[in-house]
Amino acid sequence: MRLLYLTLTLFCSVTIYSQEVDNFQSQTEQLELKLYPNPAYGETVQIVTDSNLPKEVTVYDVFGKIVLTDRIYRNNLSITSLHSGIYMLQITENQKTVNRKLVIK
């Protein structure tokens, strides 16, 4: 019985470890960007990347509901339609995606 438990534990450990390695490799392919100001006080936030290509931006509220989608060609994202609160931004540029938290005061 102990041998069975030991075998199952080792098998599960190897399976979990192999999944973590795959996740690590996909994280290295993510987009590097700067989001400021954060917390935001004005009407726009700046999303700056090295390549400055057009970006698809999806904004989610704390309940996971999409509250804003936009395609920006420069660095400015208009947040005039958003109320004060905490939001998650999903930003995609050149088939690379990153998620960031945004606080609006």
PDB file of N, CA and C in Angstrom:
ATOM      1  N   MET A   1       0.820  -1.192   0.000  1.00  0.00           N
ATOM      2  CA  MET A   1       0.000   0.000   0.000  1.00  0.00           C
ATOM      3  C   MET A   1       0.867   1.260   0.000  1.00  0.00           C
ATOM      4  N   ARG A   2       1.948   1.226   0.795  1.00  0.00           N
ATOM      5  CA  ARG A   2       2.854   2.365   0.824  1.00  0.00           C
ATOM      6  C   ARG A   2       3.508   2.582  -0.533  1.00  0.00           C
ATOM      7  N   LEU A   3       3.830   1.496  -1.201  1.00  0.00           N
ATOM      8  CA  LEU A   3       4.438   1.595  -2.526  1.00  0.00           C
ATOM      9  C   LEU A   3       3.469   2.247  -3.512  1.00  0.00           C
ATOM     10  N   LEU A   4       2.205   1.941  -3.410  1.00  0.00           N
ATOM     11  CA  LEU A   4       1.195   2.545  -4.280  1.00  0.00           C
ATOM     12  C   LEU A   4       1.106   4.042  -4.030  1.00  0.00           C
ATOM     13  N   TYR A   5       1.058   4.470  -2.763  1.00  0.00           N
ATOM     14  CA  TYR A   5       1.006   5.885  -2.434  1.00  0.00           C
ATOM     15  C   TYR A   5       2.266   6.623  -2.898  1.00  0.00           C
ATOM     16  N   LEU A   6       3.404   6.006  -2.718  1.00  0.00           N
ATOM     17  CA  LEU A   6       4.657   6.608  -3.161  1.00  0.00           C
ATOM     18  C   LEU A   6       4.669   6.779  -4.673  1.00  0.00           C
ATOM     19  N   THR A   7       4.214   5.778  -5.391  1.00  0.00           N
ATOM     20  CA  THR A   7       4.171   5.840  -6.851  1.00  0.00           C
ATOM     21  C   THR A   7       3.212   6.929  -7.320  1.00  0.00           C
ATOM     22  N   LEU A   8       2.038   7.007  -6.717  1.00  0.00           N
ATOM     23  CA  LEU A   8       1.077   8.049  -7.085  1.00  0.00           C
ATOM     24  C   LEU A   8       1.609   9.446  -6.777  1.00  0.00           C
ATOM     25  N   THR A   9       2.268   9.606  -5.649  1.00  0.00           N
ATOM     26  CA  THR A   9       2.837  10.905  -5.287  1.00  0.00           C
ATOM     27  C   THR A   9       3.905  11.331  -6.285  1.00  0.00           C
ATOM     28  N   LEU A  10       4.790  10.433  -6.631  1.00  0.00           N
ATOM     29  CA  LEU A  10       5.833  10.754  -7.606  1.00  0.00           C
ATOM     30  C   LEU A  10       5.244  11.070  -8.977  1.00  0.00           C
ATOM     31  N   PHE A  11       4.254  10.313  -9.384  1.00  0.00           N
ATOM     32  CA  PHE A  11       3.614  10.553 -10.683  1.00  0.00           C
ATOM     33  C   PHE A  11       2.949  11.928 -10.715  1.00  0.00           C
ATOM     34  N   CYS A  12       2.223  12.260  -9.644  1.00  0.00           N
ATOM     35  CA  CYS A  12       1.560  13.575  -9.584  1.00  0.00           C
ATOM     36  C   CYS A  12       2.579  14.709  -9.554  1.00  0.00           C
ATOM     37  N   SER A  13       3.662  14.527  -8.847  1.00  0.00           N
ATOM     38  CA  SER A  13       4.699  15.555  -8.777  1.00  0.00           C
ATOM     39  C   SER A  13       5.312  15.816 -10.147  1.00  0.00           C
ATOM     40  N   VAL A  14       5.609  14.766 -10.879  1.00  0.00           N
ATOM     41  CA  VAL A  14       6.190  14.913 -12.214  1.00  0.00           C
ATOM     42  C   VAL A  14       5.191  15.558 -13.154  1.00  0.00           C
ATOM     43  N   THR A  15       3.928  15.189 -13.062  1.00  0.00           N
ATOM     44  CA  THR A  15       2.897  15.760 -13.923  1.00  0.00           C
ATOM     45  C   THR A  15       2.733  17.249 -13.652  1.00  0.00           C
ATOM     46  N   ILE A  16       2.673  17.634 -12.400  1.00  0.00           N
ATOM     47  CA  ILE A  16       2.524  19.043 -12.046  1.00  0.00           C
ATOM     48  C   ILE A  16       3.755  19.828 -12.468  1.00  0.00           C
ATOM     49  N   TYR A  17       4.933  19.296 -12.256  1.00  0.00           N
ATOM     50  CA  TYR A  17       6.164  19.987 -12.640  1.00  0.00           C
ATOM     51  C   TYR A  17       6.215  20.213 -14.141  1.00  0.00           C
ATOM     52  N   SER A  18       5.809  19.249 -14.929  1.00  0.00           N
ATOM     53  CA  SER A  18       5.863  19.409 -16.385  1.00  0.00           C
ATOM     54  C   SER A  18       4.894  20.481 -16.851  1.00  0.00           C
ATOM     55  N   GLN A  19       3.780  20.659 -16.166  1.00  0.00           N
ATOM     56  CA  GLN A  19       2.843  21.717 -16.534  1.00  0.00           C
ATOM     57  C   GLN A  19       3.404  23.082 -16.178  1.00  0.00           C
ATOM     58  N   GLU A  20       4.128  23.200 -15.073  1.00  0.00           N
ATOM     59  CA  GLU A  20       4.709  24.469 -14.679  1.00  0.00           C
ATOM     60  C   GLU A  20       5.778  24.912 -15.674  1.00  0.00           C
ATOM     61  N   VAL A  21       6.543  24.007 -16.209  1.00  0.00           N
ATOM     62  CA  VAL A  21       7.568  24.354 -17.186  1.00  0.00           C
ATOM     63  C   VAL A  21       6.922  24.935 -18.437  1.00  0.00           C
ATOM     64  N   ASP A  22       5.812  24.350 -18.901  1.00  0.00           N
ATOM     65  CA  ASP A  22       5.123  24.880 -20.069  1.00  0.00           C
ATOM     66  C   ASP A  22       4.607  26.281 -19.817  1.00  0.00           C
ATOM     67  N   ASN A  23       4.054  26.534 -18.624  1.00  0.00           N
ATOM     68  CA  ASN A  23       3.563  27.865 -18.304  1.00  0.00           C
ATOM     69  C   ASN A  23       4.705  28.869 -18.256  1.00  0.00           C
ATOM     70  N   PHE A  24       5.857  28.473 -17.763  1.00  0.00           N
ATOM     71  CA  PHE A  24       7.001  29.377 -17.703  1.00  0.00           C
ATOM     72  C   PHE A  24       7.447  29.769 -19.100  1.00  0.00           C
ATOM     73  N   GLN A  25       7.457  28.839 -20.030  1.00  0.00           N
ATOM     74  CA  GLN A  25       7.877  29.152 -21.387  1.00  0.00           C
ATOM     75  C   GLN A  25       6.902  30.110 -22.048  1.00  0.00           C
ATOM     76  N   SER A  26       5.604  29.981 -21.814  1.00  0.00           N
ATOM     77  CA  SER A  26       4.644  30.886 -22.430  1.00  0.00           C
ATOM     78  C   SER A  26       4.719  32.271 -21.803  1.00  0.00           C
ATOM     79  N   GLN A  27       5.126  32.374 -20.518  1.00  0.00           N
ATOM     80  CA  GLN A  27       5.232  33.679 -19.890  1.00  0.00           C
ATOM     81  C   GLN A  27       6.393  34.482 -20.457  1.00  0.00           C
ATOM     82  N   THR A  28       7.434  33.838 -20.951  1.00  0.00           N
ATOM     83  CA  THR A  28       8.565  34.568 -21.487  1.00  0.00           C
ATOM     84  C   THR A  28       8.224  35.219 -22.820  1.00  0.00           C
ATOM     85  N   GLU A  29       7.141  34.790 -23.464  1.00  0.00           N
ATOM     86  CA  GLU A  29       6.735  35.352 -24.744  1.00  0.00           C
ATOM     87  C   GLU A  29       5.731  36.484 -24.590  1.00  0.00           C
ATOM     88  N   GLN A  30       5.514  36.957 -23.359  1.00  0.00           N
ATOM     89  CA  GLN A  30       4.537  38.001 -23.132  1.00  0.00           C
ATOM     90  C   GLN A  30       5.077  39.357 -23.534  1.00  0.00           C
ATOM     91  N   LEU A  31       4.164  40.285 -23.647  1.00  0.00           N
ATOM     92  CA  LEU A  31       4.430  41.651 -24.053  1.00  0.00           C
ATOM     93  C   LEU A  31       4.963  42.450 -22.867  1.00  0.00           C
ATOM     94  N   GLU A  32       6.007  43.217 -23.065  1.00  0.00           N
ATOM     95  CA  GLU A  32       6.532  44.115 -22.042  1.00  0.00           C
ATOM     96  C   GLU A  32       5.976  45.510 -22.289  1.00  0.00           C
ATOM     97  N   LEU A  33       5.361  46.096 -21.258  1.00  0.00           N
ATOM     98  CA  LEU A  33       4.769  47.420 -21.435  1.00  0.00           C
ATOM     99  C   LEU A  33       4.799  48.207 -20.142  1.00  0.00           C
ATOM    100  N   LYS A  34       4.549  49.517 -20.294  1.00  0.00           N
ATOM    101  CA  LYS A  34       4.419  50.414 -19.153  1.00  0.00           C
ATOM    102  C   LYS A  34       3.019  51.013 -19.208  1.00  0.00           C
ATOM    103  N   LEU A  35       2.336  51.040 -18.069  1.00  0.00           N
ATOM    104  CA  LEU A  35       1.003  51.594 -17.951  1.00  0.00           C
ATOM    105  C   LEU A  35       1.053  52.693 -16.898  1.00  0.00           C
ATOM    106  N   TYR A  36       0.761  53.925 -17.302  1.00  0.00           N
ATOM    107  CA  TYR A  36       0.803  55.022 -16.342  1.00  0.00           C
ATOM    108  C   TYR A  36      -0.126  56.138 -16.779  1.00  0.00           C
ATOM    109  N   PRO A  37      -0.597  57.004 -15.908  1.00  0.00           N
ATOM    110  CA  PRO A  37      -0.439  56.929 -14.454  1.00  0.00           C
ATOM    111  C   PRO A  37      -1.344  55.845 -13.884  1.00  0.00           C
ATOM    112  N   ASN A  38      -0.905  55.260 -12.817  1.00  0.00           N
ATOM    113  CA  ASN A  38      -1.687  54.243 -12.144  1.00  0.00           C
ATOM    114  C   ASN A  38      -1.454  54.385 -10.647  1.00  0.00           C
ATOM    115  N   PRO A  39      -2.374  54.909  -9.902  1.00  0.00           N
ATOM    116  CA  PRO A  39      -3.777  55.167 -10.194  1.00  0.00           C
ATOM    117  C   PRO A  39      -3.968  56.352 -11.129  1.00  0.00           C
ATOM    118  N   ALA A  40      -5.012  56.250 -11.941  1.00  0.00           N
ATOM    119  CA  ALA A  40      -5.307  57.274 -12.947  1.00  0.00           C
ATOM    120  C   ALA A  40      -6.272  58.302 -12.376  1.00  0.00           C
ATOM    121  N   TYR A  41      -6.004  59.559 -12.675  1.00  0.00           N
ATOM    122  CA  TYR A  41      -6.851  60.651 -12.215  1.00  0.00           C
ATOM    123  C   TYR A  41      -7.530  61.365 -13.380  1.00  0.00           C
ATOM    124  N   GLY A  42      -6.929  61.347 -14.563  1.00  0.00           N
ATOM    125  CA  GLY A  42      -7.413  62.126 -15.693  1.00  0.00           C
ATOM    126  C   GLY A  42      -8.319  61.352 -16.620  1.00  0.00           C
ATOM    127  N   GLU A  43      -8.289  61.750 -17.888  1.00  0.00           N
ATOM    128  CA  GLU A  43      -9.162  61.161 -18.902  1.00  0.00           C
ATOM    129  C   GLU A  43      -8.485  60.085 -19.732  1.00  0.00           C
ATOM    130  N   THR A  44      -7.159  59.969 -19.644  1.00  0.00           N
ATOM    131  CA  THR A  44      -6.441  58.975 -20.429  1.00  0.00           C
ATOM    132  C   THR A  44      -5.355  58.313 -19.582  1.00  0.00           C
ATOM    133  N   VAL A  45      -4.959  57.122 -20.006  1.00  0.00           N
ATOM    134  CA  VAL A  45      -3.773  56.473 -19.470  1.00  0.00           C
ATOM    135  C   VAL A  45      -2.861  56.165 -20.647  1.00  0.00           C
ATOM    136  N   GLN A  46      -1.583  56.098 -20.372  1.00  0.00           N
ATOM    137  CA  GLN A  46      -0.583  55.822 -21.391  1.00  0.00           C
ATOM    138  C   GLN A  46      -0.210  54.339 -21.335  1.00  0.00           C
ATOM    139  N   ILE A  47      -0.215  53.690 -22.496  1.00  0.00           N
ATOM    140  CA  ILE A  47       0.233  52.310 -22.615  1.00  0.00           C
ATOM    141  C   ILE A  47       1.391  52.320 -23.597  1.00  0.00           C
ATOM    142  N   VAL A  48       2.599  52.144 -23.083  1.00  0.00           N
ATOM    143  CA  VAL A  48       3.804  52.292 -23.889  1.00  0.00           C
ATOM    144  C   VAL A  48       4.513  50.936 -24.007  1.00  0.00           C
ATOM    145  N   THR A  49       4.832  50.552 -25.238  1.00  0.00           N
ATOM    146  CA  THR A  49       5.629  49.360 -25.503  1.00  0.00           C
ATOM    147  C   THR A  49       6.841  49.760 -26.330  1.00  0.00           C
ATOM    148  N   ASP A  50       7.783  48.854 -26.462  1.00  0.00           N
ATOM    149  CA  ASP A  50       8.972  49.145 -27.258  1.00  0.00           C
ATOM    150  C   ASP A  50       8.646  49.321 -28.733  1.00  0.00           C
ATOM    151  N   SER A  51       7.742  48.499 -29.258  1.00  0.00           N
ATOM    152  CA  SER A  51       7.451  48.543 -30.694  1.00  0.00           C
ATOM    153  C   SER A  51       6.370  49.550 -31.056  1.00  0.00           C
ATOM    154  N   ASN A  52       5.525  49.960 -30.089  1.00  0.00           N
ATOM    155  CA  ASN A  52       4.450  50.932 -30.319  1.00  0.00           C
ATOM    156  C   ASN A  52       3.575  50.600 -31.525  1.00  0.00           C
ATOM    157  N   LEU A  53       3.204  49.339 -31.669  1.00  0.00           N
ATOM    158  CA  LEU A  53       2.271  48.906 -32.705  1.00  0.00           C
ATOM    159  C   LEU A  53       0.844  49.107 -32.206  1.00  0.00           C
ATOM    160  N   PRO A  54      -0.161  49.012 -33.092  1.00  0.00           N
ATOM    161  CA  PRO A  54      -1.561  49.099 -32.630  1.00  0.00           C
ATOM    162  C   PRO A  54      -1.860  48.018 -31.594  1.00  0.00           C
ATOM    163  N   LYS A  55      -2.675  48.378 -30.605  1.00  0.00           N
ATOM    164  CA  LYS A  55      -2.971  47.485 -29.495  1.00  0.00           C
ATOM    165  C   LYS A  55      -4.476  47.282 -29.366  1.00  0.00           C
ATOM    166  N   GLU A  56      -4.885  46.058 -29.063  1.00  0.00           N
ATOM    167  CA  GLU A  56      -6.265  45.745 -28.714  1.00  0.00           C
ATOM    168  C   GLU A  56      -6.346  45.765 -27.190  1.00  0.00           C
ATOM    169  N   VAL A  57      -7.238  46.581 -26.641  1.00  0.00           N
ATOM    170  CA  VAL A  57      -7.363  46.710 -25.196  1.00  0.00           C
ATOM    171  C   VAL A  57      -8.779  46.321 -24.788  1.00  0.00           C
ATOM    172  N   THR A  58      -8.880  45.395 -23.841  1.00  0.00           N
ATOM    173  CA  THR A  58     -10.160  45.012 -23.262  1.00  0.00           C
ATOM    174  C   THR A  58     -10.086  45.299 -21.775  1.00  0.00           C
ATOM    175  N   VAL A  59     -11.092  46.018 -21.259  1.00  0.00           N
ATOM    176  CA  VAL A  59     -11.115  46.401 -19.854  1.00  0.00           C
ATOM    177  C   VAL A  59     -12.242  45.635 -19.166  1.00  0.00           C
ATOM    178  N   TYR A  60     -11.908  44.973 -18.047  1.00  0.00           N
ATOM    179  CA  TYR A  60     -12.865  44.206 -17.258  1.00  0.00           C
ATOM    180  C   TYR A  60     -13.046  44.870 -15.900  1.00  0.00           C
ATOM    181  N   ASP A  61     -14.280  44.832 -15.366  1.00  0.00           N
ATOM    182  CA  ASP A  61     -14.495  45.306 -14.006  1.00  0.00           C
ATOM    183  C   ASP A  61     -14.174  44.181 -13.025  1.00  0.00           C
ATOM    184  N   VAL A  62     -14.392  44.413 -11.734  1.00  0.00           N
ATOM    185  CA  VAL A  62     -14.020  43.418 -10.724  1.00  0.00           C
ATOM    186  C   VAL A  62     -14.882  42.161 -10.786  1.00  0.00           C
ATOM    187  N   PHE A  63     -16.015  42.222 -11.489  1.00  0.00           N
ATOM    188  CA  PHE A  63     -16.880  41.061 -11.632  1.00  0.00           C
ATOM    189  C   PHE A  63     -16.589  40.272 -12.907  1.00  0.00           C
ATOM    190  N   GLY A  64     -15.606  40.710 -13.687  1.00  0.00           N
ATOM    191  CA  GLY A  64     -15.242  40.010 -14.913  1.00  0.00           C
ATOM    192  C   GLY A  64     -16.056  40.432 -16.120  1.00  0.00           C
ATOM    193  N   LYS A  65     -16.854  41.470 -15.993  1.00  0.00           N
ATOM    194  CA  LYS A  65     -17.679  41.967 -17.098  1.00  0.00           C
ATOM    195  C   LYS A  65     -16.851  42.926 -17.960  1.00  0.00           C
ATOM    196  N   ILE A  66     -16.959  42.768 -19.272  1.00  0.00           N
ATOM    197  CA  ILE A  66     -16.244  43.676 -20.183  1.00  0.00           C
ATOM    198  C   ILE A  66     -16.947  45.024 -20.162  1.00  0.00           C
ATOM    199  N   VAL A  67     -16.202  46.070 -19.800  1.00  0.00           N
ATOM    200  CA  VAL A  67     -16.782  47.410 -19.735  1.00  0.00           C
ATOM    201  C   VAL A  67     -16.248  48.325 -20.831  1.00  0.00           C
ATOM    202  N   LEU A  68     -15.159  47.928 -21.502  1.00  0.00           N
ATOM    203  CA  LEU A  68     -14.597  48.755 -22.561  1.00  0.00           C
ATOM    204  C   LEU A  68     -13.711  47.900 -23.454  1.00  0.00           C
ATOM    205  N   THR A  69     -13.869  48.059 -24.754  1.00  0.00           N
ATOM    206  CA  THR A  69     -12.941  47.469 -25.718  1.00  0.00           C
ATOM    207  C   THR A  69     -12.525  48.577 -26.667  1.00  0.00           C
ATOM    208  N   ASP A  70     -11.264  48.590 -27.011  1.00  0.00           N
ATOM    209  CA  ASP A  70     -10.756  49.653 -27.875  1.00  0.00           C
ATOM    210  C   ASP A  70      -9.518  49.161 -28.601  1.00  0.00           C
ATOM    211  N   ARG A  71      -9.300  49.727 -29.759  1.00  0.00           N
ATOM    212  CA  ARG A  71      -8.060  49.500 -30.511  1.00  0.00           C
ATOM    213  C   ARG A  71      -7.361  50.849 -30.557  1.00  0.00           C
ATOM    214  N   ILE A  72      -6.166  50.896 -29.984  1.00  0.00           N
ATOM    215  CA  ILE A  72      -5.434  52.160 -29.948  1.00  0.00           C
ATOM    216  C   ILE A  72      -4.230  52.078 -30.870  1.00  0.00           C
ATOM    217  N   TYR A  73      -3.998  53.167 -31.579  1.00  0.00           N
ATOM    218  CA  TYR A  73      -2.906  53.225 -32.541  1.00  0.00           C
ATOM    219  C   TYR A  73      -1.719  54.011 -32.006  1.00  0.00           C
ATOM    220  N   ARG A  74      -1.952  54.781 -30.993  1.00  0.00           N
ATOM    221  CA  ARG A  74      -0.861  55.490 -30.321  1.00  0.00           C
ATOM    222  C   ARG A  74      -0.752  54.944 -28.915  1.00  0.00           C
ATOM    223  N   ASN A  75      -0.401  55.757 -27.966  1.00  0.00           N
ATOM    224  CA  ASN A  75      -0.215  55.270 -26.602  1.00  0.00           C
ATOM    225  C   ASN A  75      -1.363  55.623 -25.667  1.00  0.00           C
ATOM    226  N   ASN A  76      -2.351  56.399 -26.116  1.00  0.00           N
ATOM    227  CA  ASN A  76      -3.387  56.911 -25.226  1.00  0.00           C
ATOM    228  C   ASN A  76      -4.641  56.044 -25.243  1.00  0.00           C
ATOM    229  N   LEU A  77      -5.102  55.647 -24.063  1.00  0.00           N
ATOM    230  CA  LEU A  77      -6.374  54.949 -23.903  1.00  0.00           C
ATOM    231  C   LEU A  77      -7.312  55.877 -23.147  1.00  0.00           C
ATOM    232  N   SER A  78      -8.447  56.209 -23.751  1.00  0.00           N
ATOM    233  CA  SER A  78      -9.426  57.075 -23.112  1.00  0.00           C
ATOM    234  C   SER A  78     -10.209  56.283 -22.074  1.00  0.00           C
ATOM    235  N   ILE A  79     -10.248  56.816 -20.843  1.00  0.00           N
ATOM    236  CA  ILE A  79     -10.965  56.150 -19.759  1.00  0.00           C
ATOM    237  C   ILE A  79     -12.117  57.019 -19.252  1.00  0.00           C
ATOM    238  N   THR A  80     -12.602  57.925 -20.083  1.00  0.00           N
ATOM    239  CA  THR A  80     -13.663  58.836 -19.657  1.00  0.00           C
ATOM    240  C   THR A  80     -14.966  58.107 -19.360  1.00  0.00           C
ATOM    241  N   SER A  81     -15.202  56.954 -19.975  1.00  0.00           N
ATOM    242  CA  SER A  81     -16.450  56.222 -19.748  1.00  0.00           C
ATOM    243  C   SER A  81     -16.399  55.333 -18.509  1.00  0.00           C
ATOM    244  N   LEU A  82     -15.255  55.261 -17.837  1.00  0.00           N
ATOM    245  CA  LEU A  82     -15.093  54.390 -16.668  1.00  0.00           C
ATOM    246  C   LEU A  82     -15.243  55.187 -15.376  1.00  0.00           C
ATOM    247  N   HIS A  83     -15.908  54.577 -14.401  1.00  0.00           N
ATOM    248  CA  HIS A  83     -16.083  55.188 -13.081  1.00  0.00           C
ATOM    249  C   HIS A  83     -14.891  54.840 -12.198  1.00  0.00           C
ATOM    250  N   SER A  84     -14.799  55.480 -11.058  1.00  0.00           N
ATOM    251  CA  SER A  84     -13.740  55.166 -10.098  1.00  0.00           C
ATOM    252  C   SER A  84     -13.842  53.708  -9.682  1.00  0.00           C
ATOM    253  N   GLY A  85     -12.702  53.048  -9.603  1.00  0.00           N
ATOM    254  CA  GLY A  85     -12.696  51.649  -9.204  1.00  0.00           C
ATOM    255  C   GLY A  85     -11.451  50.935  -9.668  1.00  0.00           C
ATOM    256  N   ILE A  86     -11.480  49.612  -9.568  1.00  0.00           N
ATOM    257  CA  ILE A  86     -10.353  48.766  -9.958  1.00  0.00           C
ATOM    258  C   ILE A  86     -10.763  47.978 -11.194  1.00  0.00           C
ATOM    259  N   TYR A  87      -9.889  47.962 -12.195  1.00  0.00           N
ATOM    260  CA  TYR A  87     -10.161  47.298 -13.461  1.00  0.00           C
ATOM    261  C   TYR A  87      -8.968  46.435 -13.854  1.00  0.00           C
ATOM    262  N   MET A  88      -9.242  45.427 -14.666  1.00  0.00           N
ATOM    263  CA  MET A  88      -8.185  44.601 -15.261  1.00  0.00           C
ATOM    264  C   MET A  88      -8.131  44.925 -16.752  1.00  0.00           C
ATOM    265  N   LEU A  89      -6.950  45.201 -17.256  1.00  0.00           N
ATOM    266  CA  LEU A  89      -6.751  45.461 -18.669  1.00  0.00           C
ATOM    267  C   LEU A  89      -6.081  44.269 -19.311  1.00  0.00           C
ATOM    268  N   GLN A  90      -6.615  43.844 -20.445  1.00  0.00           N
ATOM    269  CA  GLN A  90      -5.977  42.808 -21.252  1.00  0.00           C
ATOM    270  C   GLN A  90      -5.515  43.498 -22.525  1.00  0.00           C
ATOM    271  N   ILE A  91      -4.213  43.556 -22.721  1.00  0.00           N
ATOM    272  CA  ILE A  91      -3.626  44.305 -23.827  1.00  0.00           C
ATOM    273  C   ILE A  91      -2.934  43.318 -24.757  1.00  0.00           C
ATOM    274  N   THR A  92      -3.299  43.380 -26.050  1.00  0.00           N
ATOM    275  CA  THR A  92      -2.708  42.494 -27.049  1.00  0.00           C
ATOM    276  C   THR A  92      -2.049  43.343 -28.124  1.00  0.00           C
ATOM    277  N   GLU A  93      -0.786  43.027 -28.395  1.00  0.00           N
ATOM    278  CA  GLU A  93      -0.039  43.706 -29.443  1.00  0.00           C
ATOM    279  C   GLU A  93       0.831  42.677 -30.145  1.00  0.00           C
ATOM    280  N   ASN A  94       0.709  42.592 -31.452  1.00  0.00           N
ATOM    281  CA  ASN A  94       1.539  41.681 -32.237  1.00  0.00           C
ATOM    282  C   ASN A  94       1.427  40.236 -31.730  1.00  0.00           C
ATOM    283  N   GLN A  95       0.208  39.804 -31.448  1.00  0.00           N
ATOM    284  CA  GLN A  95      -0.115  38.446 -30.997  1.00  0.00           C
ATOM    285  C   GLN A  95       0.497  38.092 -29.648  1.00  0.00           C
ATOM    286  N   LYS A  96       0.859  39.089 -28.853  1.00  0.00           N
ATOM    287  CA  LYS A  96       1.339  38.882 -27.487  1.00  0.00           C
ATOM    288  C   LYS A  96       0.378  39.599 -26.549  1.00  0.00           C
ATOM    289  N   THR A  97       0.064  38.949 -25.442  1.00  0.00           N
ATOM    290  CA  THR A  97      -0.944  39.471 -24.526  1.00  0.00           C
ATOM    291  C   THR A  97      -0.377  39.601 -23.132  1.00  0.00           C
ATOM    292  N   VAL A  98      -0.823  40.669 -22.442  1.00  0.00           N
ATOM    293  CA  VAL A  98      -0.448  40.874 -21.048  1.00  0.00           C
ATOM    294  C   VAL A  98      -1.662  41.444 -20.319  1.00  0.00           C
ATOM    295  N   ASN A  99      -1.772  41.128 -19.023  1.00  0.00           N
ATOM    296  CA  ASN A  99      -2.842  41.650 -18.178  1.00  0.00           C
ATOM    297  C   ASN A  99      -2.248  42.575 -17.132  1.00  0.00           C
ATOM    298  N   ARG A 100      -2.917  43.698 -16.901  1.00  0.00           N
ATOM    299  CA  ARG A 100      -2.476  44.650 -15.879  1.00  0.00           C
ATOM    300  C   ARG A 100      -3.685  45.159 -15.100  1.00  0.00           C
ATOM    301  N   LYS A 101      -3.447  45.510 -13.847  1.00  0.00           N
ATOM    302  CA  LYS A 101      -4.482  46.099 -13.014  1.00  0.00           C
ATOM    303  C   LYS A 101      -4.407  47.612 -13.154  1.00  0.00           C
ATOM    304  N   LEU A 102      -5.578  48.270 -13.220  1.00  0.00           N
ATOM    305  CA  LEU A 102      -5.652  49.722 -13.320  1.00  0.00           C
ATOM    306  C   LEU A 102      -6.608  50.221 -12.242  1.00  0.00           C
ATOM    307  N   VAL A 103      -6.162  51.213 -11.487  1.00  0.00           N
ATOM    308  CA  VAL A 103      -6.995  51.839 -10.477  1.00  0.00           C
ATOM    309  C   VAL A 103      -7.349  53.231 -10.972  1.00  0.00           C
ATOM    310  N   ILE A 104      -8.644  53.552 -10.950  1.00  0.00           N
ATOM    311  CA  ILE A 104      -9.106  54.883 -11.367  1.00  0.00           C
ATOM    312  C   ILE A 104      -9.677  55.557 -10.129  1.00  0.00           C
ATOM    313  N   LYS A 105      -9.150  56.730  -9.820  1.00  0.00           N
ATOM    314  CA  LYS A 105      -9.598  57.502  -8.638  1.00  0.00           C
ATOM    315  C   LYS A 105     -10.669  58.485  -9.031  1.00  0.00           C
TER     316      LYS A 105
END
